[in-house]
Amino acid sequence: MITGIGAVFALIEVIYILMILLGANAGNAFFGFIRGLAEPLALFFPGLFPIANVQLAVLVNYGLAAVFWLVVTGLVARLFSR
C-alpha cells in the first residue's frame, strides 16, 4: 500500500515532466490540475539546481522528486513489513 502511494506520487511528477517537455498548453484545465498536484509533491526540489534551460530544470528537479518518493516510500514500506 505504501509503495503504491509513492508510485502514484512519482507518476504525477513524471506526467508533469512529460507535459512540460512535450509543450502542453499551460492554460488547459488538466495541465493546471496536474501542476497543482505536482508542485506541492515536489517539496523542496524545484529550484534546488538553478539551470537556465527551463525544460532541463523541470526534468532534473521534478525527476529528483519522483525518485525521492519511490525511495522514501520503499524504505517506509520495508520498515513496516518487519
C-alpha atoms as a PDB file:
ATOM      1  CA  MET A   1       0.000   0.000   0.000  1.00  0.00           C
ATOM      2  CA  ILE A   2       2.757   2.451   0.960  1.00  0.00           C
ATOM      3  CA  THR A   3       4.810   1.751  -2.149  1.00  0.00           C
ATOM      4  CA  GLY A   4       1.658   2.215  -4.221  1.00  0.00           C
ATOM      5  CA  ILE A   5       1.176   5.688  -2.794  1.00  0.00           C
ATOM      6  CA  GLY A   6       4.794   6.509  -3.583  1.00  0.00           C
ATOM      7  CA  ALA A   7       4.332   5.198  -7.111  1.00  0.00           C
ATOM      8  CA  VAL A   8       1.269   7.412  -7.613  1.00  0.00           C
ATOM      9  CA  PHE A   9       3.192  10.452  -6.341  1.00  0.00           C
ATOM     10  CA  ALA A  10       6.093   9.641  -8.664  1.00  0.00           C
ATOM     11  CA  LEU A  11       3.686   9.101 -11.570  1.00  0.00           C
ATOM     12  CA  ILE A  12       2.181  12.545 -11.026  1.00  0.00           C
ATOM     13  CA  GLU A  13       5.687  14.032 -11.165  1.00  0.00           C
ATOM     14  CA  VAL A  14       6.507  12.102 -14.341  1.00  0.00           C
ATOM     15  CA  ILE A  15       3.271  13.196 -16.029  1.00  0.00           C
ATOM     16  CA  TYR A  16       4.079  16.808 -15.167  1.00  0.00           C
ATOM     17  CA  ILE A  17       7.604  16.435 -16.557  1.00  0.00           C
ATOM     18  CA  LEU A  18       6.271  14.941 -19.791  1.00  0.00           C
ATOM     19  CA  MET A  19       3.677  17.666 -20.164  1.00  0.00           C
ATOM     20  CA  ILE A  20       6.372  20.341 -19.817  1.00  0.00           C
ATOM     21  CA  LEU A  21       8.812  18.593 -22.165  1.00  0.00           C
ATOM     22  CA  LEU A  22       6.164  17.961 -24.806  1.00  0.00           C
ATOM     23  CA  GLY A  23       4.883  21.545 -24.649  1.00  0.00           C
ATOM     24  CA  ALA A  24       1.409  21.041 -23.228  1.00  0.00           C
ATOM     25  CA  ASN A  25      -0.942  24.016 -23.194  1.00  0.00           C
ATOM     26  CA  ALA A  26      -0.440  25.658 -19.776  1.00  0.00           C
ATOM     27  CA  GLY A  27      -3.957  27.106 -19.970  1.00  0.00           C
ATOM     28  CA  ASN A  28      -5.570  23.670 -20.145  1.00  0.00           C
ATOM     29  CA  ALA A  29      -7.546  22.568 -17.071  1.00  0.00           C
ATOM     30  CA  PHE A  30      -5.899  19.129 -16.947  1.00  0.00           C
ATOM     31  CA  PHE A  31      -2.451  20.724 -17.074  1.00  0.00           C
ATOM     32  CA  GLY A  32      -3.439  23.025 -14.216  1.00  0.00           C
ATOM     33  CA  PHE A  33      -4.743  20.065 -12.226  1.00  0.00           C
ATOM     34  CA  ILE A  34      -1.524  18.087 -12.674  1.00  0.00           C
ATOM     35  CA  ARG A  35       0.599  21.152 -11.907  1.00  0.00           C
ATOM     36  CA  GLY A  36      -1.467  21.740  -8.766  1.00  0.00           C
ATOM     37  CA  LEU A  37      -0.666  18.207  -7.630  1.00  0.00           C
ATOM     38  CA  ALA A  38       2.956  18.068  -8.792  1.00  0.00           C
ATOM     39  CA  GLU A  39       4.235  21.308  -7.283  1.00  0.00           C
ATOM     40  CA  PRO A  40       3.439  20.515  -3.624  1.00  0.00           C
ATOM     41  CA  LEU A  41       4.614  16.914  -4.078  1.00  0.00           C
ATOM     42  CA  ALA A  42       7.959  18.174  -5.386  1.00  0.00           C
ATOM     43  CA  LEU A  43       8.663  19.515  -1.874  1.00  0.00           C
ATOM     44  CA  PHE A  44      11.978  21.404  -1.831  1.00  0.00           C
ATOM     45  CA  PHE A  45      13.323  20.055  -5.139  1.00  0.00           C
ATOM     46  CA  PRO A  46      12.178  22.820  -7.542  1.00  0.00           C
ATOM     47  CA  GLY A  47      14.945  25.376  -7.612  1.00  0.00           C
ATOM     48  CA  LEU A  48      17.433  23.034  -5.946  1.00  0.00           C
ATOM     49  CA  PHE A  49      19.612  23.156  -9.044  1.00  0.00           C
ATOM     50  CA  PRO A  50      19.408  26.505 -10.848  1.00  0.00           C
ATOM     51  CA  ILE A  51      19.517  25.504 -14.510  1.00  0.00           C
ATOM     52  CA  ALA A  52      18.994  28.113 -17.220  1.00  0.00           C
ATOM     53  CA  ASN A  53      17.155  25.737 -19.571  1.00  0.00           C
ATOM     54  CA  VAL A  54      13.604  25.516 -18.193  1.00  0.00           C
ATOM     55  CA  GLN A  55      12.889  22.076 -19.629  1.00  0.00           C
ATOM     56  CA  LEU A  56      16.100  20.623 -18.230  1.00  0.00           C
ATOM     57  CA  ALA A  57      15.414  22.266 -14.859  1.00  0.00           C
ATOM     58  CA  VAL A  58      11.956  20.664 -14.703  1.00  0.00           C
ATOM     59  CA  LEU A  59      13.388  17.303 -15.738  1.00  0.00           C
ATOM     60  CA  VAL A  60      16.122  17.369 -13.092  1.00  0.00           C
ATOM     61  CA  ASN A  61      14.213  18.920 -10.185  1.00  0.00           C
ATOM     62  CA  TYR A  62      10.883  17.122 -10.583  1.00  0.00           C
ATOM     63  CA  GLY A  63      12.667  13.927 -11.614  1.00  0.00           C
ATOM     64  CA  LEU A  64      14.559  14.014  -8.320  1.00  0.00           C
ATOM     65  CA  ALA A  65      11.251  14.452  -6.516  1.00  0.00           C
ATOM     66  CA  ALA A  66       9.845  11.373  -8.272  1.00  0.00           C
ATOM     67  CA  VAL A  67      12.893   9.307  -7.312  1.00  0.00           C
ATOM     68  CA  PHE A  68      12.656  10.657  -3.757  1.00  0.00           C
ATOM     69  CA  TRP A  69       9.059   9.443  -3.396  1.00  0.00           C
ATOM     70  CA  LEU A  70       9.924   5.998  -4.734  1.00  0.00           C
ATOM     71  CA  VAL A  71      12.925   5.604  -2.425  1.00  0.00           C
ATOM     72  CA  VAL A  72      11.321   7.015   0.731  1.00  0.00           C
ATOM     73  CA  THR A  73       8.078   5.084   0.419  1.00  0.00           C
ATOM     74  CA  GLY A  74      10.055   1.941  -0.401  1.00  0.00           C
ATOM     75  CA  LEU A  75      12.087   2.387   2.785  1.00  0.00           C
ATOM     76  CA  VAL A  76       9.000   3.105   4.891  1.00  0.00           C
ATOM     77  CA  ALA A  77       7.225   0.049   3.460  1.00  0.00           C
ATOM     78  CA  ARG A  78      10.252  -2.074   4.285  1.00  0.00           C
ATOM     79  CA  LEU A  79      10.211  -0.804   7.864  1.00  0.00           C
ATOM     80  CA  PHE A  80       6.520  -1.607   8.269  1.00  0.00           C
ATOM     81  CA  SER A  81       6.867  -5.073   6.766  1.00  0.00           C
ATOM     82  CA  ARG A  82       9.233  -6.180   9.542  1.00  0.00           C
END
